[in-house]
Protein backbone atom coordinates (compact mmCIF):
# COMPACT_ATOMS: atom_id res chain seq x y z
CA UNK A 1 76.03 125.78 68.38
CA UNK A 2 72.68 124.87 66.85
CA UNK A 3 73.96 125.63 63.35
CA UNK A 4 77.13 123.60 63.99
CA UNK A 5 75.14 120.56 65.10
CA UNK A 6 72.81 120.98 62.14
CA UNK A 7 75.82 121.21 59.83
CA UNK A 8 77.35 117.91 60.97
CA UNK A 9 73.97 116.21 61.07
CA UNK A 10 73.41 117.44 57.54
CA UNK A 11 76.71 116.04 56.34
CA UNK A 12 75.79 112.64 57.75
CA UNK A 13 72.38 112.78 56.10
CA UNK A 14 73.94 113.84 52.81
CA UNK A 15 76.32 110.90 52.81
CA UNK A 16 73.48 108.53 53.65
CA UNK A 17 71.36 109.96 50.86
CA UNK A 18 74.05 109.91 48.20
CA UNK A 19 75.79 106.61 48.88
CA UNK A 20 74.80 103.11 49.74
CA UNK A 21 76.71 99.84 49.44
CA UNK A 22 75.12 96.51 48.67
CA UNK A 23 78.46 94.66 48.80
CA UNK A 24 81.66 95.54 50.66
CA UNK A 25 85.14 95.70 49.24
CA UNK A 26 86.10 92.93 51.65
CA UNK A 27 83.99 90.64 49.49
CA UNK A 28 85.94 91.73 46.46
CA UNK A 29 83.14 93.94 45.11
CA UNK A 30 83.17 97.66 44.43
CA UNK A 31 81.09 100.12 46.45
CA UNK A 32 78.70 101.89 44.11
CA UNK A 33 76.97 105.25 44.39
CA UNK A 34 73.20 105.04 44.22
CA UNK A 35 70.75 107.70 43.06
CA UNK A 36 69.05 109.21 46.12
CA UNK A 37 65.31 108.77 46.47
CA UNK A 38 63.92 112.27 46.86
CA UNK A 39 60.61 112.63 48.69
CA UNK A 40 59.83 116.05 47.23
CA UNK A 41 60.37 115.79 43.48
CA UNK A 42 59.58 118.92 41.53
CA UNK A 43 57.51 118.64 38.38
CA UNK A 44 58.91 120.82 35.59
CA UNK A 45 56.99 123.92 34.49
CA UNK A 46 56.66 122.64 30.90
CA UNK A 47 57.91 125.96 29.55
CA UNK A 48 59.79 125.23 26.33
CA UNK A 49 59.71 128.58 24.53
CA UNK A 50 62.41 131.27 24.86
CA UNK A 51 61.66 134.93 25.54
CA UNK A 52 63.36 138.28 25.86
CA UNK A 53 61.76 141.23 27.66
CA UNK A 54 58.91 141.49 25.19
CA UNK A 55 58.59 138.59 22.77
CA UNK A 56 59.47 135.07 21.67
CA UNK A 57 63.08 134.64 20.53
CA UNK A 58 65.35 131.89 19.21
CA UNK A 59 67.17 129.89 21.88
CA UNK A 60 70.03 132.01 23.29
CA UNK A 61 73.44 130.36 23.47
CA UNK A 62 75.59 130.35 26.60
CA UNK A 63 76.93 133.82 27.30
CA UNK A 64 74.24 135.54 25.24
CA UNK A 65 71.55 137.79 26.70
CA UNK A 66 68.63 135.91 28.26
CA UNK A 67 70.56 132.66 28.57
CA UNK A 68 69.59 130.63 31.64
CA UNK A 69 65.83 131.03 31.49
CA UNK A 70 63.34 128.30 32.30
CA UNK A 71 63.32 126.60 28.89
CA UNK A 72 67.09 126.04 29.01
CA UNK A 73 66.73 123.56 31.87
CA UNK A 74 64.45 120.54 31.71
CA UNK A 75 63.63 118.80 34.96
CA UNK A 76 61.14 116.08 35.84
CA UNK A 77 58.60 116.28 33.03
CA UNK A 78 54.95 116.01 34.03
CA UNK A 79 53.74 112.41 33.76
CA UNK A 80 50.25 111.29 34.72
CA UNK A 81 48.10 108.18 34.59
CA UNK A 82 44.32 108.35 34.35
CA UNK A 83 43.33 105.41 36.52
CA UNK A 84 39.84 105.20 35.01
CA UNK A 85 38.16 105.46 38.41
CA UNK A 86 37.99 109.21 38.85
CA UNK A 87 41.60 109.47 40.03
CA UNK A 88 44.86 110.56 38.39
CA UNK A 89 48.30 109.36 39.52
CA UNK A 90 51.29 111.68 39.28
CA UNK A 91 54.30 109.53 38.37
CA UNK A 92 56.77 112.20 39.52
CA UNK A 93 55.43 113.19 42.94
CA UNK A 94 53.75 109.93 43.95
CA UNK A 95 50.54 111.83 44.68
CA UNK A 96 47.11 110.62 43.56
CA UNK A 97 44.49 113.26 42.70
CA UNK A 98 40.77 113.50 42.16
CA UNK A 99 40.13 114.21 38.50
CA UNK A 100 36.77 115.97 38.43
CA UNK A 101 35.78 119.54 39.18
CA UNK A 102 32.76 120.00 41.38
CA UNK A 103 31.15 123.09 39.90
CA UNK A 104 29.65 123.88 43.30
CA UNK A 105 32.46 125.76 45.01
CA UNK A 106 33.13 125.07 48.67
CA UNK A 107 34.68 126.65 51.75
CA UNK A 108 37.73 125.14 53.44
CA UNK A 109 35.56 123.64 56.18
CA UNK A 110 33.27 122.07 53.59
CA UNK A 111 36.23 120.72 51.59
CA UNK A 112 37.71 119.09 54.70
CA UNK A 113 34.36 117.48 55.49
CA UNK A 114 34.10 116.14 51.94
CA UNK A 115 37.64 114.72 52.09
CA UNK A 116 36.88 112.98 55.40
CA UNK A 117 34.04 110.98 53.83
CA UNK A 118 35.41 110.42 50.31
CA UNK A 119 35.79 106.87 49.03
CA UNK A 120 36.83 107.81 45.49
CA UNK A 121 38.71 105.01 43.72
CA UNK A 122 38.18 102.78 46.74
CA UNK A 123 40.42 104.93 48.96
CA UNK A 124 39.41 106.55 52.22
CA UNK A 125 42.56 108.58 53.02
CA UNK A 126 41.78 111.67 50.93
CA UNK A 127 42.80 115.13 52.15
CA UNK A 128 42.67 118.77 51.09
CA UNK A 129 46.10 119.44 49.54
CA UNK A 130 48.66 121.78 51.03
CA UNK A 131 49.69 124.72 48.90
CA UNK A 132 52.92 122.92 47.94
CA UNK A 133 51.03 119.78 46.89
CA UNK A 134 48.54 121.82 44.89
CA UNK A 135 51.24 123.91 43.22
CA UNK A 136 52.89 120.74 41.92
CA UNK A 137 50.11 120.63 39.31
CA UNK A 138 50.72 124.10 37.83
CA UNK A 139 52.19 124.30 34.32
CA UNK A 140 53.56 127.53 32.86
CA UNK A 141 52.65 126.53 29.34
CA UNK A 142 49.33 128.19 30.20
CA UNK A 143 48.16 131.63 29.10
CA UNK A 144 45.62 133.87 30.81
CA UNK A 145 44.27 135.00 27.45
CA UNK A 146 44.19 138.26 25.54
CA UNK A 147 40.59 139.26 26.19
CA UNK A 148 39.73 142.52 27.93
CA UNK A 149 36.23 141.47 28.97
CA UNK A 150 36.39 139.60 32.28
CA UNK A 151 33.03 137.95 31.57
CA UNK A 152 34.02 136.28 28.30
CA UNK A 153 36.55 133.46 28.17
CA UNK A 154 39.20 134.47 25.59
CA UNK A 155 39.50 132.09 22.65
CA UNK A 156 43.29 131.93 23.15
CA UNK A 157 43.20 131.24 26.90
CA UNK A 158 45.06 128.08 28.03
CA UNK A 159 44.66 126.74 31.59
CA UNK A 160 47.78 126.39 33.74
CA UNK A 161 47.11 122.68 34.31
CA UNK A 162 47.14 119.58 32.10
CA UNK A 163 43.53 119.34 30.89
CA UNK A 164 44.27 116.02 29.18
CA UNK A 165 44.15 114.49 32.65
CA UNK A 166 42.46 116.97 34.99
CA UNK A 167 39.02 118.50 34.59
CA UNK A 168 39.08 122.28 34.67
CA UNK A 169 36.53 125.08 34.88
CA UNK A 170 36.78 128.84 34.57
CA UNK A 171 34.76 131.11 36.84
CA UNK A 172 30.98 131.19 36.50
CA UNK A 173 30.47 134.00 34.00
CA UNK A 174 26.70 133.47 33.74
CA UNK A 175 24.95 136.75 34.60
CA UNK A 176 28.42 138.11 35.42
CA UNK A 177 28.33 136.23 38.71
CA UNK A 178 32.12 135.81 38.54
CA UNK A 179 34.98 136.79 36.27
CA UNK A 180 36.31 134.03 34.04
CA UNK A 181 39.62 134.17 35.94
CA UNK A 182 37.85 133.36 39.22
CA UNK A 183 39.14 129.80 39.01
CA UNK A 184 40.90 129.53 42.34
CA UNK A 185 41.51 126.11 43.89
CA UNK A 186 41.84 126.12 47.66
CA UNK A 187 44.57 124.54 49.75
CA UNK A 188 44.65 123.55 53.41
CA UNK A 189 47.49 126.02 54.03
CA UNK A 190 46.29 128.94 56.11
CA UNK A 191 48.25 132.17 56.29
CA UNK A 192 50.03 132.73 59.58
CA UNK A 193 49.09 136.40 59.39
CA UNK A 194 46.16 138.25 57.82
CA UNK A 195 45.56 140.06 54.55
CA UNK A 196 43.75 143.24 53.61
CA UNK A 197 42.22 144.74 56.72
CA UNK A 198 42.90 141.90 59.16
CA UNK A 199 41.17 139.12 57.18
CA UNK A 200 41.90 135.51 58.10
CA UNK A 201 43.34 134.00 54.93
CA UNK A 202 44.10 130.74 53.14
CA UNK A 203 46.37 130.17 50.15
CA UNK A 204 45.08 128.95 46.82
CA UNK A 205 46.28 128.38 43.26
CA UNK A 206 44.53 130.03 40.34
CA UNK A 207 44.85 127.69 37.37
CA UNK A 208 43.24 130.28 35.08
CA UNK A 209 45.87 132.99 35.56
CA UNK A 210 48.84 131.06 37.00
CA UNK A 211 49.24 132.57 40.47
CA UNK A 212 49.35 131.74 44.18
CA UNK A 213 47.52 134.21 46.36
CA UNK A 214 46.18 134.41 49.85
CA UNK A 215 42.40 134.72 49.89
CA UNK A 216 40.41 136.09 52.79
CA UNK A 217 37.74 133.78 54.17
CA UNK A 218 35.02 136.38 53.72
CA UNK A 219 33.37 136.84 50.33
CA UNK A 220 34.38 140.26 48.90
CA UNK A 221 30.94 140.58 47.25
CA UNK A 222 29.13 139.65 50.47
CA UNK A 223 31.33 140.04 53.58
CA UNK A 224 28.78 138.23 55.74
CA UNK A 225 29.35 135.00 53.82
CA UNK A 226 32.42 132.79 53.42
CA UNK A 227 34.39 132.74 50.17
CA UNK A 228 34.07 129.50 48.19
CA UNK A 229 36.62 127.84 45.89
CA UNK A 230 37.02 124.94 43.54
CA UNK A 231 38.50 121.91 45.32
CA UNK A 232 40.71 119.04 44.21
CA UNK A 233 41.60 116.28 46.66
CA UNK A 234 44.83 114.33 47.10
CA UNK A 235 46.23 111.23 48.78
CA UNK A 236 49.62 109.48 49.02
CA UNK A 237 53.22 110.66 49.70
CA UNK A 238 52.65 112.33 53.05
CA UNK A 239 56.22 113.70 52.90
CA UNK A 240 55.58 115.78 49.80
CA UNK A 241 56.36 119.43 50.41
CA UNK A 242 58.58 118.81 53.44
CA UNK A 243 62.12 120.14 53.10
CA UNK A 244 65.27 118.59 54.54
CA UNK A 245 67.73 121.47 54.64
CA UNK A 246 71.44 121.08 55.36
CA UNK A 247 73.82 123.98 55.99
CA UNK A 248 76.94 123.02 54.02
CA UNK A 249 79.09 125.59 55.80
CA UNK A 250 80.26 127.19 52.55
CA UNK A 251 77.50 129.67 51.80
CA UNK A 252 75.21 127.01 50.36
CA UNK A 253 72.16 125.10 51.63
CA UNK A 254 71.25 121.63 50.34
CA UNK A 255 67.70 120.34 50.35
CA UNK A 256 67.92 116.57 50.54
CA UNK A 257 64.18 116.31 49.89
CA UNK A 258 64.27 118.00 46.47
CA UNK A 259 67.88 117.38 45.41
CA UNK A 260 68.58 121.10 45.01
CA UNK A 261 71.38 123.24 46.46
CA UNK A 262 70.69 126.90 47.18
CA UNK A 263 72.62 130.13 47.60
CA UNK A 264 72.35 130.75 51.34
CA UNK A 265 72.33 134.55 51.25
CA UNK A 266 71.17 136.90 48.51
CA UNK A 267 73.76 139.50 47.55
CA UNK A 268 71.62 142.46 48.59
CA UNK A 269 71.14 143.76 45.04
CA UNK A 270 67.94 144.32 43.09
CA UNK A 271 68.03 143.57 39.35
CA UNK A 272 65.78 143.42 36.34
CA UNK A 273 65.05 139.98 34.92
CA UNK A 274 67.77 139.96 32.26
CA UNK A 275 70.45 140.90 34.78
CA UNK A 276 69.10 138.35 37.27
CA UNK A 277 69.56 135.58 34.71
CA UNK A 278 73.12 136.71 34.00
CA UNK A 279 74.05 137.04 37.68
CA UNK A 280 72.94 133.49 38.48
CA UNK A 281 74.65 132.01 35.42
CA UNK A 282 77.95 133.68 36.32
CA UNK A 283 77.88 132.99 40.05
CA UNK A 284 80.77 131.08 41.61
CA UNK A 285 79.94 129.84 45.10
CA UNK A 286 80.97 126.85 47.21
CA UNK A 287 83.41 125.69 44.52
CA UNK A 288 80.52 125.36 42.06
CA UNK A 289 79.99 127.26 38.82
CA UNK A 290 76.78 125.61 37.55
CA UNK A 291 74.38 127.97 39.30
CA UNK A 292 71.22 129.19 37.62
CA UNK A 293 68.09 131.20 38.31
CA UNK A 294 65.44 128.80 39.68
CA UNK A 295 62.21 128.24 37.83
CA UNK A 296 58.96 129.21 39.53
CA UNK A 297 58.23 125.77 40.96
CA UNK A 298 61.75 125.27 42.28
CA UNK A 299 61.71 128.64 44.02
CA UNK A 300 58.34 127.97 45.63
CA UNK A 301 59.69 124.83 47.33
CA UNK A 302 61.76 126.90 49.78
CA UNK A 303 58.86 129.03 50.98
CA UNK A 304 58.10 128.34 54.64
CA UNK A 305 54.38 128.98 54.99
CA UNK A 306 54.61 128.84 58.80
CA UNK A 307 56.54 132.11 58.77
CA UNK A 308 55.74 135.70 57.79
CA UNK A 309 56.92 139.21 58.71
CA UNK A 310 53.94 139.91 60.93
CA UNK A 311 53.68 136.49 62.63
CA UNK A 312 57.35 135.58 63.13
CA UNK A 313 59.15 138.86 62.38
CA UNK A 314 60.92 137.12 59.51
CA UNK A 315 60.59 136.36 55.81
CA UNK A 316 58.68 133.23 54.78
CA UNK A 317 61.77 131.03 54.57
CA UNK A 318 63.78 128.77 56.88
CA UNK A 319 66.10 130.74 59.22
CA UNK A 320 69.10 128.94 57.70
CA UNK A 321 68.72 131.34 54.77
CA UNK A 322 69.75 135.00 54.93
CA UNK A 323 67.39 137.52 53.35
CA UNK A 324 68.07 141.22 52.89
CA UNK A 325 65.58 143.42 54.71
CA UNK A 326 64.14 146.31 52.68
CA UNK A 327 61.68 149.13 53.26
CA UNK A 328 58.20 149.02 51.73
CA UNK A 329 56.88 151.74 49.39
CA UNK A 330 55.73 153.77 52.40
CA UNK A 331 59.25 153.67 53.86
CA UNK A 332 58.42 151.18 56.62
CA UNK A 333 61.08 148.67 57.69
CA UNK A 334 60.44 144.94 58.13
CA UNK A 335 59.68 144.15 54.50
CA UNK A 336 61.55 141.56 52.42
CA UNK A 337 62.18 141.40 48.67
CA UNK A 338 60.42 139.62 45.89
CA UNK A 339 62.71 137.05 44.23
CA UNK A 340 62.88 136.43 40.50
CA UNK A 341 62.34 133.07 38.87
CA UNK A 342 63.51 132.12 35.37
CA UNK A 343 59.91 131.51 34.29
CA UNK A 344 58.04 133.84 31.94
CA UNK A 345 54.42 134.41 32.98
CA UNK A 346 52.14 134.53 29.94
CA UNK A 347 49.52 137.13 30.78
CA UNK A 348 47.84 140.10 29.13
CA UNK A 349 47.30 141.12 25.50
CA UNK A 350 49.22 139.38 22.74
CA UNK A 351 51.72 142.21 22.26
CA UNK A 352 52.64 142.14 25.97
CA UNK A 353 51.97 138.58 27.04
CA UNK A 354 55.64 137.61 27.42
CA UNK A 355 56.79 140.82 29.11
CA UNK A 356 56.47 139.54 32.69
CA UNK A 357 58.34 136.96 34.74
CA UNK A 358 57.27 135.06 37.83
CA UNK A 359 58.47 136.04 41.27
CA UNK A 360 57.84 134.71 44.77
CA UNK A 361 57.13 137.15 47.62
CA UNK A 362 59.08 136.08 50.70
CA UNK A 363 57.88 139.20 52.46
CA UNK A 364 54.39 140.64 52.40
CA UNK A 365 52.76 140.63 48.96
CA UNK A 366 51.59 144.19 49.27
CA UNK A 367 49.13 146.35 47.40
CA UNK A 368 47.86 149.90 47.73
CA UNK A 369 44.10 150.45 47.91
CA UNK A 370 42.39 153.74 48.77
CA UNK A 371 45.86 155.17 49.31
CA UNK A 372 46.57 152.60 52.04
CA UNK A 373 49.26 149.93 51.82
CA UNK A 374 48.16 146.40 52.80
CA UNK A 375 49.50 142.87 52.72
CA UNK A 376 46.94 141.88 50.09
CA UNK A 377 48.12 138.40 49.04
CA UNK A 378 50.33 137.07 51.84
CA UNK A 379 54.01 136.16 52.25
CA UNK A 380 54.57 133.18 49.96
CA UNK A 381 52.37 134.49 47.16
CA UNK A 382 53.48 133.97 43.56
CA UNK A 383 52.80 136.72 41.06
CA UNK A 384 54.74 138.41 38.24
CA UNK A 385 56.49 141.69 37.46
CA UNK A 386 57.47 143.37 34.21
CA UNK A 387 60.90 142.12 33.21
CA UNK A 388 62.33 145.60 32.63
CA UNK A 389 61.74 149.27 33.20
CA UNK A 390 63.31 152.45 34.46
CA UNK A 391 64.25 151.84 38.09
CA UNK A 392 63.36 155.42 39.00
CA UNK A 393 59.75 154.76 37.97
CA UNK A 394 59.28 151.97 40.53
CA UNK A 395 57.66 150.84 42.71
CA UNK A 396 54.32 151.23 40.97
CA UNK A 397 50.89 149.82 41.78
CA UNK A 398 48.85 147.67 39.42
CA UNK A 399 45.45 145.97 39.21
CA UNK A 400 42.35 146.00 41.42
CA UNK A 401 44.36 145.38 44.61
CA UNK A 402 47.07 147.87 43.64
CA UNK A 403 49.76 145.18 43.58
CA UNK A 404 53.20 146.60 44.34
CA UNK A 405 55.53 146.28 41.37
CA UNK A 406 59.21 146.56 42.18
CA UNK A 407 60.50 145.25 38.81
CA UNK A 408 64.01 145.29 40.24
CA UNK A 409 63.86 142.14 42.34
CA UNK A 410 66.37 139.88 44.11
CA UNK A 411 68.08 136.58 43.25
CA UNK A 412 68.58 133.31 45.09
CA UNK A 413 70.50 131.02 42.77
CA UNK A 414 70.13 127.24 42.65
CA UNK A 415 71.94 124.20 41.28
CA UNK A 416 71.28 120.46 41.20
CA UNK A 417 73.10 118.53 43.93
CA UNK A 418 73.93 115.68 41.55
């Protein structure tokens, strides 16, 4: 009954969003369709280069391998205004940001206290951004860099944010106090569960390596102290990041906040990246054939950070969506898949830097440490997997937190409503 009511309410909202009439036909004038005003506009990733599983390639044509990746689809291009008063306006999202980086990192409590007293640009309504607000600034034209020394900033490293408008800093590498990739910006979004060994956790965006992770409040180097982050403050568009989902009753879900339509249920199949692109491009659903694999920023918009397997016994997504349940690498039930995006994640040495693609973890973002499997980064984390590999070799574990690599991930296709 609830879904039925939501369906009819959604249809009414959809009609209101898509059509308005300034003049009636009774007055001899024609009713005209108006472009909806979306409250949650997604800034494009700014990825314009084409890739296969290993390297840069010429643009694939429709029907060719690797067609349908991020660079094939251009959305709302990043557009900023430096207001000359320490603030930057985002012309796409309607958000206004602080420009500077305070090199003294802060805790979440300290950041909230700073925001409460800020008068930057003559405004007093500053806040610590949510993870969805903060992620609007990420650009996947960035590159982690090809260096192998964590205490030297690689010459070819490119931040995952527009440094023409926003100040940026890598981690404090003096005296090896931090790694250069320790450039995490905090959000106000706290994880509904815990990470590692029961650590209270908040989500942050790393603009040095292009990831969302959940970070425990305690400092890993000194557990008796609180972890500190870079902070960037925001104001304006209080509706940014809030979805308005409508069940269309045909296996699709519309989000009237972003203007995107989604595949309601995944098909229960795990695929490598190339096959995921092809599946989405060839999907026919709800009388539509223009489906595609979402880019990283589109896919992140449907994460519900109030939900997680441990806290709500569900994936981190609205219950209107159906998600296949899987077992984790230890054979435990209650885990949910990682979902591919169409976005290549530029990371690692030059000969491998285009071999990974971004995914979003709608279940626990697990890792294995000391032979124990943990939720190390939180449901709703964004990381990357190798685009291809022998399925019998996976899952594997990678990096200092032993990140679980499935490589064969799931698909939730998307299309533009208009």
